[in-house]
Amino acid sequence: MTAEAEVFYDFKGLQCPLPVLKTRKKLQDLSAGDRIRIETTDPLSPLDIAHFCQSEGHILLEQQNEGRVFHFLIQKG
């Protein structure tokens, strides 16, 4: 994919640790600079995704929540 690519995945309904594990797997298929947008409903996702990005060298560009749905935009490092 190019540095401008952005893909979306719906991980709503998955519980910890599946949102992080699936995000890691999807990011493996992308190139550095590509972006992935994900949605989750796991209440631990904000902490888990932020920690995952920090520890794996990815950039958490956006993090929002709408009720019980959490939205993340991650740029692959």
C-alpha atoms as a PDB file:
ATOM      1  CA  MET A   1       0.000   0.000   0.000  1.00  0.00           C
ATOM      2  CA  THR A   2       1.068   3.597  -0.431  1.00  0.00           C
ATOM      3  CA  ALA A   3       1.854   6.036   2.374  1.00  0.00           C
ATOM      4  CA  GLU A   4      -1.584   7.571   1.835  1.00  0.00           C
ATOM      5  CA  ALA A   5      -3.580   4.360   2.229  1.00  0.00           C
ATOM      6  CA  GLU A   6      -6.208   4.122   4.965  1.00  0.00           C
ATOM      7  CA  VAL A   7      -8.235   1.017   5.735  1.00  0.00           C
ATOM      8  CA  PHE A   8     -11.139   0.460   8.144  1.00  0.00           C
ATOM      9  CA  TYR A   9     -11.902  -2.518  10.369  1.00  0.00           C
ATOM     10  CA  ASP A  10     -14.893  -3.049  12.630  1.00  0.00           C
ATOM     11  CA  PHE A  11     -13.839  -4.870  15.788  1.00  0.00           C
ATOM     12  CA  LYS A  12     -17.011  -4.090  17.733  1.00  0.00           C
ATOM     13  CA  GLY A  13     -18.146  -6.941  19.977  1.00  0.00           C
ATOM     14  CA  LEU A  14     -14.633  -8.345  20.444  1.00  0.00           C
ATOM     15  CA  GLN A  15     -13.231  -8.463  23.974  1.00  0.00           C
ATOM     16  CA  CYS A  16      -9.673  -7.985  25.206  1.00  0.00           C
ATOM     17  CA  PRO A  17      -7.184  -9.004  23.884  1.00  0.00           C
ATOM     18  CA  LEU A  18      -8.769  -9.557  20.448  1.00  0.00           C
ATOM     19  CA  PRO A  19      -8.968  -5.898  19.301  1.00  0.00           C
ATOM     20  CA  VAL A  20      -5.215  -5.469  19.845  1.00  0.00           C
ATOM     21  CA  LEU A  21      -4.333  -8.846  18.336  1.00  0.00           C
ATOM     22  CA  LYS A  22      -6.427  -8.211  15.230  1.00  0.00           C
ATOM     23  CA  THR A  23      -5.042  -4.671  14.903  1.00  0.00           C
ATOM     24  CA  ARG A  24      -1.491  -6.043  15.064  1.00  0.00           C
ATOM     25  CA  LYS A  25      -2.293  -8.617  12.366  1.00  0.00           C
ATOM     26  CA  LYS A  26      -3.884  -6.033  10.053  1.00  0.00           C
ATOM     27  CA  LEU A  27      -0.954  -3.635  10.498  1.00  0.00           C
ATOM     28  CA  GLN A  28       1.485  -6.362   9.404  1.00  0.00           C
ATOM     29  CA  ASP A  29       0.020  -6.173   5.900  1.00  0.00           C
ATOM     30  CA  LEU A  30       0.530  -2.394   5.646  1.00  0.00           C
ATOM     31  CA  SER A  31       3.547  -0.260   4.801  1.00  0.00           C
ATOM     32  CA  ALA A  32       5.085   2.310   7.138  1.00  0.00           C
ATOM     33  CA  GLY A  33       2.998   5.478   7.001  1.00  0.00           C
ATOM     34  CA  ASP A  34      -0.232   3.682   6.071  1.00  0.00           C
ATOM     35  CA  ARG A  35      -3.198   4.240   8.348  1.00  0.00           C
ATOM     36  CA  ILE A  36      -5.754   1.937   9.873  1.00  0.00           C
ATOM     37  CA  ARG A  37      -9.049   3.116  11.334  1.00  0.00           C
ATOM     38  CA  ILE A  38     -10.706   0.766  13.800  1.00  0.00           C
ATOM     39  CA  GLU A  39     -13.857   0.718  15.914  1.00  0.00           C
ATOM     40  CA  THR A  40     -14.210  -1.282  19.118  1.00  0.00           C
ATOM     41  CA  THR A  41     -16.650  -1.654  21.999  1.00  0.00           C
ATOM     42  CA  ASP A  42     -14.266  -3.220  24.513  1.00  0.00           C
ATOM     43  CA  PRO A  43     -14.043  -0.776  27.464  1.00  0.00           C
ATOM     44  CA  LEU A  44     -10.320  -1.528  27.855  1.00  0.00           C
ATOM     45  CA  SER A  45      -9.551  -0.606  24.247  1.00  0.00           C
ATOM     46  CA  PRO A  46      -8.472   3.004  24.909  1.00  0.00           C
ATOM     47  CA  LEU A  47      -5.731   1.837  27.273  1.00  0.00           C
ATOM     48  CA  ASP A  48      -4.839  -1.282  25.303  1.00  0.00           C
ATOM     49  CA  ILE A  49      -4.616   0.399  21.885  1.00  0.00           C
ATOM     50  CA  ALA A  50      -2.601   3.353  23.246  1.00  0.00           C
ATOM     51  CA  HIS A  51      -0.151   0.991  24.968  1.00  0.00           C
ATOM     52  CA  PHE A  52       0.076  -1.216  21.881  1.00  0.00           C
ATOM     53  CA  CYS A  53       0.914   1.757  19.646  1.00  0.00           C
ATOM     54  CA  GLN A  54       3.527   3.068  22.049  1.00  0.00           C
ATOM     55  CA  SER A  55       5.219  -0.298  22.515  1.00  0.00           C
ATOM     56  CA  GLU A  56       5.156  -1.249  18.808  1.00  0.00           C
ATOM     57  CA  GLY A  57       6.267   2.135  17.420  1.00  0.00           C
ATOM     58  CA  HIS A  58       2.979   3.112  15.765  1.00  0.00           C
ATOM     59  CA  ILE A  59       1.346   6.545  16.054  1.00  0.00           C
ATOM     60  CA  LEU A  60      -2.116   6.909  17.562  1.00  0.00           C
ATOM     61  CA  LEU A  61      -3.402   9.859  15.526  1.00  0.00           C
ATOM     62  CA  GLU A  62      -6.977   9.962  16.828  1.00  0.00           C
ATOM     63  CA  GLN A  63      -8.945   8.444  19.660  1.00  0.00           C
ATOM     64  CA  GLN A  64     -12.621   9.255  20.163  1.00  0.00           C
ATOM     65  CA  ASN A  65     -15.629   7.640  21.727  1.00  0.00           C
ATOM     66  CA  GLU A  66     -19.312   7.842  20.912  1.00  0.00           C
ATOM     67  CA  GLY A  67     -21.197   6.188  23.730  1.00  0.00           C
ATOM     68  CA  ARG A  68     -19.829   2.665  23.965  1.00  0.00           C
ATOM     69  CA  VAL A  69     -18.022   2.752  20.613  1.00  0.00           C
ATOM     70  CA  PHE A  70     -14.348   3.725  20.499  1.00  0.00           C
ATOM     71  CA  HIS A  71     -12.760   5.037  17.291  1.00  0.00           C
ATOM     72  CA  PHE A  72      -9.022   4.951  16.627  1.00  0.00           C
ATOM     73  CA  LEU A  73      -6.838   6.127  13.758  1.00  0.00           C
ATOM     74  CA  ILE A  74      -3.385   4.561  13.801  1.00  0.00           C
ATOM     75  CA  GLN A  75      -0.435   5.252  11.520  1.00  0.00           C
ATOM     76  CA  LYS A  76       1.961   2.366  11.072  1.00  0.00           C
ATOM     77  CA  GLY A  77       5.456   3.171  12.314  1.00  0.00           C
END
